[in-house]
N, C-alpha and C. Protein backbone atom coordinates (compact mmCIF):
# COMPACT_ATOMS: atom_id res chain seq x y z
N UNK A 1 7.06 17.26 10.69
CA UNK A 1 7.50 15.95 10.53
C UNK A 1 8.01 16.29 9.16
N UNK A 2 8.95 15.24 8.54
CA UNK A 2 9.35 15.17 8.05
C UNK A 2 8.59 15.67 6.78
N UNK A 3 9.73 15.49 5.21
CA UNK A 3 8.67 14.59 3.79
C UNK A 3 8.92 13.51 4.07
N UNK A 4 8.48 13.23 3.25
CA UNK A 4 7.52 11.15 3.44
C UNK A 4 8.81 10.09 2.65
N UNK A 5 9.34 11.33 1.68
CA UNK A 5 9.78 11.03 1.14
C UNK A 5 11.65 10.77 1.48
N UNK A 6 11.99 11.19 2.69
CA UNK A 6 13.28 11.83 3.31
C UNK A 6 12.61 11.07 4.40
N UNK A 7 12.43 9.90 4.94
CA UNK A 7 12.21 8.49 5.69
C UNK A 7 12.81 7.99 5.19
N UNK A 8 13.74 6.65 5.91
CA UNK A 8 14.22 5.19 5.74
C UNK A 8 13.12 4.92 5.65
N UNK A 9 12.62 4.10 4.16
CA UNK A 9 11.84 2.05 3.88
C UNK A 9 12.73 1.27 4.04
N UNK A 10 11.38 0.58 4.69
CA UNK A 10 12.25 -0.66 5.23
C UNK A 10 11.15 -1.39 5.34
N UNK A 11 11.55 -2.68 4.49
CA UNK A 11 10.78 -4.11 4.40
C UNK A 11 10.81 -5.41 5.23
N UNK A 12 10.55 -5.78 5.42
CA UNK A 12 10.99 -7.06 6.15
C UNK A 12 10.24 -8.95 6.05
N UNK A 13 11.38 -9.01 6.44
CA UNK A 13 10.57 -10.56 5.35
C UNK A 13 11.41 -10.87 7.19
N UNK A 14 9.68 -11.73 7.32
CA UNK A 14 9.46 -12.49 8.97
C UNK A 14 8.31 -13.52 9.13
N UNK A 15 9.03 -14.68 9.71
CA UNK A 15 7.47 -15.33 9.47
C UNK A 15 7.06 -15.67 10.77
N UNK A 16 7.58 -14.65 11.79
CA UNK A 16 7.18 -14.69 13.22
C UNK A 16 7.08 -13.82 13.65
N UNK A 17 5.28 -13.18 13.78
CA UNK A 17 4.12 -12.11 14.10
C UNK A 17 5.08 -11.67 14.91
N UNK A 18 5.25 -12.30 16.25
CA UNK A 18 6.02 -12.15 17.35
C UNK A 18 7.25 -10.10 17.68
N UNK A 19 7.66 -10.78 16.41
CA UNK A 19 9.52 -9.87 15.61
C UNK A 19 9.28 -9.11 14.48
N UNK A 20 7.99 -10.13 13.96
CA UNK A 20 7.89 -8.64 13.28
C UNK A 20 6.63 -7.43 13.37
N UNK A 21 6.09 -7.53 15.14
CA UNK A 21 5.45 -6.57 14.67
C UNK A 21 6.32 -5.18 16.31
N UNK A 22 7.41 -6.14 16.77
CA UNK A 22 8.47 -5.82 17.62
C UNK A 22 9.43 -4.93 16.63
N UNK A 23 10.11 -5.70 14.90
CA UNK A 23 10.10 -4.73 14.05
C UNK A 23 9.55 -3.82 13.40
N UNK A 24 8.41 -4.05 13.57
CA UNK A 24 7.32 -2.08 13.21
C UNK A 24 7.19 -1.55 13.67
N UNK A 25 7.36 -2.05 14.88
CA UNK A 25 7.53 -0.78 15.90
C UNK A 25 8.31 0.14 15.94
N UNK A 26 9.93 -0.13 16.65
CA UNK A 26 10.84 0.08 16.01
C UNK A 26 11.26 0.93 14.67
N UNK A 27 10.85 0.19 13.86
CA UNK A 27 10.06 1.33 12.36
C UNK A 27 10.06 2.24 13.39
N UNK A 28 8.49 2.20 12.84
CA UNK A 28 7.63 3.53 13.33
C UNK A 28 8.07 4.39 14.44
N UNK A 29 8.68 4.75 15.13
CA UNK A 29 9.08 4.99 16.28
C UNK A 29 10.67 6.04 16.03
N UNK A 30 10.73 5.33 14.81
CA UNK A 30 12.40 5.62 14.58
C UNK A 30 11.90 7.40 13.34
N UNK A 31 10.75 6.99 12.80
CA UNK A 31 10.76 7.89 11.98
C UNK A 31 10.50 7.37 10.83
N UNK A 32 11.01 5.53 10.21
CA UNK A 32 11.07 5.59 8.66
C UNK A 32 9.74 4.49 8.65
N UNK A 33 9.77 4.28 7.59
CA UNK A 33 8.70 3.75 7.24
C UNK A 33 8.47 2.29 6.45
N UNK A 34 7.72 1.56 7.09
CA UNK A 34 7.34 0.87 5.92
C UNK A 34 6.81 0.69 5.17
N UNK A 35 7.51 -0.57 3.79
CA UNK A 35 6.69 -0.48 2.37
C UNK A 35 6.46 -1.96 2.68
N UNK A 36 6.32 -3.10 3.31
CA UNK A 36 5.90 -3.36 2.32
C UNK A 36 6.79 -5.37 3.41
N UNK A 37 5.83 -6.28 4.02
CA UNK A 37 6.30 -7.01 4.87
C UNK A 37 5.91 -8.23 3.90
N UNK A 38 6.77 -9.76 4.02
CA UNK A 38 6.37 -10.55 3.66
C UNK A 38 6.54 -11.97 4.56
N UNK A 39 6.14 -13.08 4.53
CA UNK A 39 6.76 -14.61 5.25
C UNK A 39 7.08 -15.17 4.24
N UNK A 40 6.97 -15.34 3.78
CA UNK A 40 6.73 -15.91 2.09
C UNK A 40 7.95 -15.58 0.90
N UNK A 41 8.83 -16.31 0.45
CA UNK A 41 9.68 -15.87 -0.84
C UNK A 41 9.08 -15.29 -0.72
N UNK A 42 8.49 -16.05 -1.80
CA UNK A 42 7.65 -15.50 -3.42
C UNK A 42 7.82 -14.65 -3.48
N UNK A 43 6.05 -14.31 -2.27
CA UNK A 43 5.89 -13.22 -1.88
C UNK A 43 6.90 -11.60 -1.91
N UNK A 44 7.68 -11.90 -1.21
CA UNK A 44 8.83 -11.29 -0.90
C UNK A 44 9.77 -10.38 -2.29
N UNK A 45 9.78 -12.03 -3.41
CA UNK A 45 10.42 -10.96 -4.08
C UNK A 45 9.54 -10.45 -5.17
N UNK A 46 8.03 -10.58 -4.84
CA UNK A 46 7.97 -10.34 -6.13
C UNK A 46 7.35 -8.53 -5.98
N UNK A 47 6.82 -8.26 -4.56
CA UNK A 47 6.61 -7.17 -4.06
C UNK A 47 7.70 -6.29 -3.74
N UNK A 48 9.46 -7.33 -4.33
CA UNK A 48 10.69 -5.64 -3.52
C UNK A 48 10.94 -5.77 -5.00
N UNK A 49 10.32 -6.51 -5.91
CA UNK A 49 11.20 -6.13 -7.34
C UNK A 49 9.09 -4.89 -7.95
N UNK A 50 8.74 -4.08 -7.46
CA UNK A 50 8.18 -3.12 -7.05
C UNK A 50 8.72 -2.10 -6.38
N UNK A 51 8.58 -2.11 -5.04
CA UNK A 51 9.06 -1.28 -3.97
C UNK A 51 10.78 -1.33 -4.00
N UNK A 52 10.91 -0.80 -3.96
CA UNK A 52 12.59 0.35 -3.81
C UNK A 52 12.64 0.89 -2.49
N UNK A 53 12.98 -0.50 -1.35
CA UNK A 53 13.23 0.36 0.75
C UNK A 53 14.52 0.61 -0.37
N UNK A 54 15.01 1.17 0.49
CA UNK A 54 16.60 1.55 1.81
C UNK A 54 17.63 0.82 2.25
N UNK A 55 15.98 -0.62 3.27
CA UNK A 55 16.99 -2.06 4.39
C UNK A 55 15.78 -2.72 3.50
N UNK A 56 16.24 -3.89 3.19
CA UNK A 56 15.55 -5.35 4.26
C UNK A 56 15.80 -6.06 4.94
N UNK A 57 15.21 -5.41 5.60
CA UNK A 57 15.24 -6.96 6.96
C UNK A 57 14.55 -8.46 6.66
N UNK A 58 15.99 -9.16 6.83
CA UNK A 58 15.52 -10.95 6.37
C UNK A 58 16.32 -11.87 7.43
N UNK A 59 15.00 -12.81 7.19
CA UNK A 59 14.96 -14.33 7.88
C UNK A 59 14.66 -15.02 7.16
N UNK A 60 15.71 -15.34 7.79
CA UNK A 60 16.16 -16.87 6.70
C UNK A 60 15.47 -18.56 6.48
N UNK A 61 14.04 -18.54 7.43
CA UNK A 61 12.78 -20.08 7.19
C UNK A 61 12.06 -19.02 7.84
N UNK A 62 10.98 -19.01 6.54
CA UNK A 62 10.33 -18.65 5.81
C UNK A 62 8.78 -19.34 6.00
N UNK A 63 8.03 -19.20 6.49
CA UNK A 63 6.35 -20.21 6.39
C UNK A 63 6.75 -20.42 5.12
N UNK A 64 7.20 -20.02 3.75
CA UNK A 64 7.12 -21.26 2.17
C UNK A 64 8.26 -20.14 1.56
N UNK A 65 9.77 -21.19 1.39
CA UNK A 65 10.14 -21.30 1.13
C UNK A 65 12.19 -20.13 1.88
N UNK A 66 12.89 -19.87 1.35
CA UNK A 66 13.50 -19.63 2.46
C UNK A 66 14.33 -18.53 2.13
N UNK A 67 14.43 -17.54 2.88
CA UNK A 67 15.12 -16.29 2.80
C UNK A 67 16.67 -16.22 2.24
N UNK A 68 16.52 -17.84 2.21
CA UNK A 68 18.22 -17.57 0.89
C UNK A 68 18.65 -16.98 -0.60
N UNK A 69 17.18 -17.48 -0.73
CA UNK A 69 16.36 -17.72 -2.53
C UNK A 69 15.73 -16.17 -2.23
N UNK A 70 15.77 -15.23 -1.74
CA UNK A 70 15.13 -13.71 -1.00
C UNK A 70 16.55 -12.89 -1.29
N UNK A 71 17.27 -13.61 -0.53
CA UNK A 71 19.46 -12.23 -0.38
C UNK A 71 19.67 -13.31 -1.67
N UNK A 72 19.12 -14.34 -2.11
CA UNK A 72 20.02 -14.42 -4.11
C UNK A 72 19.65 -13.56 -4.91
N UNK A 73 18.31 -13.37 -4.77
CA UNK A 73 17.86 -11.89 -5.30
C UNK A 73 17.70 -10.66 -5.34
N UNK A 74 17.44 -10.53 -3.96
CA UNK A 74 18.07 -9.11 -4.01
C UNK A 74 19.61 -9.34 -4.57
N UNK A 75 21.27 -10.08 -4.71
CA UNK A 75 22.30 -9.99 -4.93
C UNK A 75 22.07 -10.03 -6.48
N UNK A 76 21.46 -10.19 -7.46
CA UNK A 76 22.10 -10.93 -7.73
C UNK A 76 20.78 -9.69 -8.89
N UNK A 77 19.92 -9.03 -8.38
CA UNK A 77 19.10 -8.03 -9.07
C UNK A 77 19.60 -6.57 -8.79
N UNK A 78 20.14 -6.16 -10.31
CA UNK A 78 20.49 -4.30 -10.49
C UNK A 78 19.79 -3.45 -9.97
N UNK A 79 18.96 -3.02 -9.76
CA UNK A 79 18.25 -2.06 -9.15
C UNK A 79 18.12 -2.45 -7.22
N UNK A 80 18.17 -3.16 -7.07
CA UNK A 80 18.47 -3.76 -5.43
C UNK A 80 20.34 -3.16 -5.30
N UNK A 81 20.55 -3.03 -5.86
CA UNK A 81 21.82 -2.73 -5.62
C UNK A 81 22.57 -2.13 -4.33
N UNK A 82 21.94 -1.15 -4.06
CA UNK A 82 21.50 0.49 -3.39
C UNK A 82 21.22 -0.07 -2.36
N UNK A 83 20.38 -0.93 -2.30
CA UNK A 83 19.64 -1.61 -1.14
C UNK A 83 20.27 -2.47 0.34
N UNK A 84 19.90 -2.19 1.37
CA UNK A 84 20.93 -2.20 2.44
C UNK A 84 20.21 -3.16 2.72
N UNK A 85 21.43 -4.51 2.64
CA UNK A 85 20.12 -6.38 2.96
C UNK A 85 20.24 -6.50 4.63
N UNK A 86 19.92 -7.20 5.13
CA UNK A 86 20.03 -7.53 6.46
C UNK A 86 19.70 -8.85 6.90
N UNK A 87 20.21 -10.12 7.66
CA UNK A 87 19.94 -10.87 7.77
C UNK A 87 19.67 -10.92 9.11
N UNK A 88 18.71 -11.02 9.75
CA UNK A 88 17.92 -11.52 10.97
C UNK A 88 17.62 -12.98 11.25
N UNK A 89 18.43 -13.87 11.75
CA UNK A 89 18.47 -15.18 12.14
C UNK A 89 19.04 -15.25 13.13
N UNK A 90 17.81 -16.30 13.55
CA UNK A 90 17.65 -17.77 14.42
C UNK A 90 19.36 -18.71 14.18
N UNK A 91 20.28 -18.84 12.88
CA UNK A 91 20.57 -19.82 12.66
C UNK A 91 22.22 -18.32 12.12
N UNK A 92 23.32 -18.71 13.84
CA UNK A 92 24.17 -17.58 13.75
C UNK A 92 25.58 -18.61 12.42
N UNK A 93 24.87 -19.93 12.79
CA UNK A 93 26.46 -20.53 11.98
C UNK A 93 25.79 -20.78 9.99
N UNK A 94 24.79 -19.18 9.86
CA UNK A 94 24.60 -19.58 8.49
C UNK A 94 25.83 -17.75 7.86
N UNK A 95 26.12 -17.31 9.47
CA UNK A 95 26.90 -16.73 9.00
C UNK A 95 27.05 -15.75 8.83
N UNK A 96 28.38 -16.68 8.55
CA UNK A 96 29.50 -16.39 7.33
C UNK A 96 28.62 -16.21 4.82
N UNK A 97 28.35 -17.31 5.97
CA UNK A 97 27.99 -17.77 4.29
C UNK A 97 26.90 -16.71 3.11
N UNK A 98 26.08 -15.90 4.12
CA UNK A 98 24.65 -15.17 3.52
C UNK A 98 25.95 -14.11 3.61
N UNK A 99 26.88 -13.53 4.48
CA UNK A 99 27.27 -12.72 3.31
C UNK A 99 28.69 -13.36 2.49
N UNK A 100 28.62 -13.83 2.17
CA UNK A 100 29.68 -14.40 1.34
C UNK A 100 28.20 -13.81 0.21
N UNK A 101 26.77 -14.94 0.20
CA UNK A 101 25.49 -14.44 -0.66
C UNK A 101 24.96 -13.37 -0.79
N UNK A 102 26.55 -11.96 0.10
CA UNK A 102 25.76 -11.19 -0.98
C UNK A 102 24.79 -9.81 0.49
N UNK A 103 24.84 -10.36 1.84
CA UNK A 103 24.48 -9.78 2.66
C UNK A 103 24.90 -8.82 3.72
N UNK A 104 24.36 -7.51 4.16
CA UNK A 104 25.47 -7.56 4.27
C UNK A 104 25.53 -7.11 5.29
N UNK A 105 24.68 -7.08 6.03
CA UNK A 105 25.09 -7.07 7.68
C UNK A 105 24.09 -8.84 8.16
N UNK A 106 23.86 -9.31 9.53
CA UNK A 106 23.58 -10.43 10.28
C UNK A 106 23.41 -10.09 11.70
N UNK A 107 22.36 -9.54 12.07
CA UNK A 107 22.19 -10.26 13.72
C UNK A 107 21.52 -11.53 13.74
N UNK A 108 22.00 -12.31 14.60
CA UNK A 108 21.41 -12.75 15.69
C UNK A 108 20.21 -12.91 16.41
N UNK A 109 19.60 -13.89 16.24
CA UNK A 109 18.12 -12.57 17.58
C UNK A 109 18.56 -13.31 18.44
N UNK A 110 18.88 -14.84 18.79
CA UNK A 110 18.97 -14.67 20.07
C UNK A 110 20.10 -14.14 20.77
N UNK A 111 20.99 -13.12 20.32
CA UNK A 111 21.47 -12.28 21.10
C UNK A 111 22.13 -11.28 20.58
N UNK A 112 21.66 -10.85 18.98
CA UNK A 112 21.98 -8.73 18.78
C UNK A 112 20.81 -8.96 18.67
N UNK A 113 19.33 -9.09 18.62
CA UNK A 113 18.15 -8.56 18.46
C UNK A 113 18.05 -6.54 19.06
N UNK A 114 18.89 -6.13 19.63
CA UNK A 114 19.21 -4.96 20.49
C UNK A 114 20.10 -4.76 19.40
N UNK A 115 21.35 -5.12 18.63
CA UNK A 115 22.22 -3.85 17.00
C UNK A 115 21.38 -4.18 16.10
N UNK A 116 20.70 -4.07 16.03
CA UNK A 116 19.83 -4.80 15.29
C UNK A 116 18.79 -3.44 14.73
N UNK A 117 18.33 -3.14 15.68
CA UNK A 117 17.13 -2.26 16.50
C UNK A 117 17.83 -0.90 16.71
N UNK A 118 18.97 -0.86 17.71
CA UNK A 118 20.38 0.23 17.08
C UNK A 118 20.50 0.69 15.26
N UNK A 119 20.40 -0.32 14.99
CA UNK A 119 20.72 0.02 12.61
C UNK A 119 19.57 0.86 13.10
N UNK A 120 18.28 0.18 12.98
CA UNK A 120 17.68 1.07 12.46
C UNK A 120 17.22 2.11 13.23
N UNK A 121 16.99 3.03 14.66
CA UNK A 121 17.41 4.11 14.57
C UNK A 121 18.48 4.80 13.75
N UNK A 122 19.59 3.73 14.20
CA UNK A 122 21.18 5.28 13.68
C UNK A 122 20.07 5.66 11.83
N UNK A 123 20.18 4.38 10.99
CA UNK A 123 19.56 4.25 9.93
C UNK A 123 18.39 5.18 9.33
N UNK A 124 17.62 5.53 10.57
CA UNK A 124 16.36 6.20 9.86
C UNK A 124 17.20 7.40 10.54
N UNK A 125 18.09 7.93 11.08
CA UNK A 125 18.38 9.39 11.70
C UNK A 125 19.19 9.10 10.62
N UNK A 126 19.75 8.44 10.09
CA UNK A 126 21.25 9.26 8.90
C UNK A 126 19.93 9.53 7.97
N UNK A 127 19.17 8.65 7.04
CA UNK A 127 18.09 9.28 5.59
C UNK A 127 17.82 10.46 6.24
N UNK A 128 17.25 11.07 7.84
CA UNK A 128 16.78 12.53 8.11
C UNK A 128 17.89 13.44 7.33
N UNK A 129 18.55 12.91 7.64
CA UNK A 129 19.50 13.99 8.23
C UNK A 129 20.77 14.54 6.72
N UNK A 130 19.82 13.80 5.56
CA UNK A 130 20.34 13.91 4.22
C UNK A 130 20.68 13.23 3.58
N UNK A 131 21.50 11.25 4.17
CA UNK A 131 21.67 10.72 2.87
C UNK A 131 20.49 10.11 2.60
N UNK A 132 21.76 9.74 1.35
CA UNK A 132 20.95 9.90 0.47
C UNK A 132 21.50 7.96 -0.32
N UNK A 133 20.49 6.38 -1.06
CA UNK A 133 21.01 5.55 -1.44
C UNK A 133 21.91 5.41 -0.95
N UNK A 134 23.27 5.72 -1.81
CA UNK A 134 24.61 4.39 -2.15
C UNK A 134 25.09 5.10 -0.85
N UNK A 135 25.21 6.53 -0.30
CA UNK A 135 25.59 7.01 0.98
C UNK A 135 24.91 6.46 2.35
N UNK A 136 23.91 6.48 2.62
CA UNK A 136 22.91 5.38 3.19
C UNK A 136 23.86 3.80 3.46
N UNK A 137 24.11 3.59 2.23
CA UNK A 137 24.55 2.26 2.64
C UNK A 137 26.47 2.16 3.02
N UNK A 138 27.03 3.07 2.85
CA UNK A 138 28.25 3.25 2.75
C UNK A 138 28.27 3.65 4.35
N UNK A 139 27.52 4.86 5.27
CA UNK A 139 26.61 5.00 6.69
C UNK A 139 27.03 3.73 6.84
N UNK A 140 26.59 2.64 6.55
CA UNK A 140 25.54 2.56 7.47
C UNK A 140 26.61 0.86 7.85
N UNK A 141 27.56 0.67 6.62
CA UNK A 141 28.71 0.14 7.24
C UNK A 141 29.20 0.08 7.44
N UNK A 142 29.70 0.82 7.45
CA UNK A 142 30.50 1.70 8.81
C UNK A 142 30.57 2.09 10.06
N UNK A 143 29.52 2.34 9.98
CA UNK A 143 28.70 2.19 11.69
C UNK A 143 28.81 0.85 12.05
N UNK A 144 28.30 -0.11 11.26
CA UNK A 144 28.08 -1.53 11.80
C UNK A 144 29.61 -1.97 12.02
N UNK A 145 30.81 -1.81 12.07
CA UNK A 145 31.69 -2.20 11.34
C UNK A 145 32.58 -2.09 13.20
């Protein structure tokens, strides 16, 4: 088995329990590591301020607060610069706005969920094959284009 430090680290911000379970299962099946999750904006920001995920998967509607505030925090935080910010939302009308606000990728829950699951698989494989930090970020952006 690979060294845990070589595994993709993912943090999920999601208020739907069923979607969280689906994402966690895929993250683990891909050989990646869930480093945390939250369904509240304030908790997510607090956790992200001392964790170093490679990827944050972010819903916009949360139990408390908004995914927009988490996205703004990630965009303004220097240490979060190499984190891949992936919005996964039912609100496709916010796609362009999210990308303008610093999201790297946007997947519509109603029609692009399989694309997000494939991305998790690809990123986990890239990480295991030596892609680190900004290299992983660059490769993920290229592969999703």
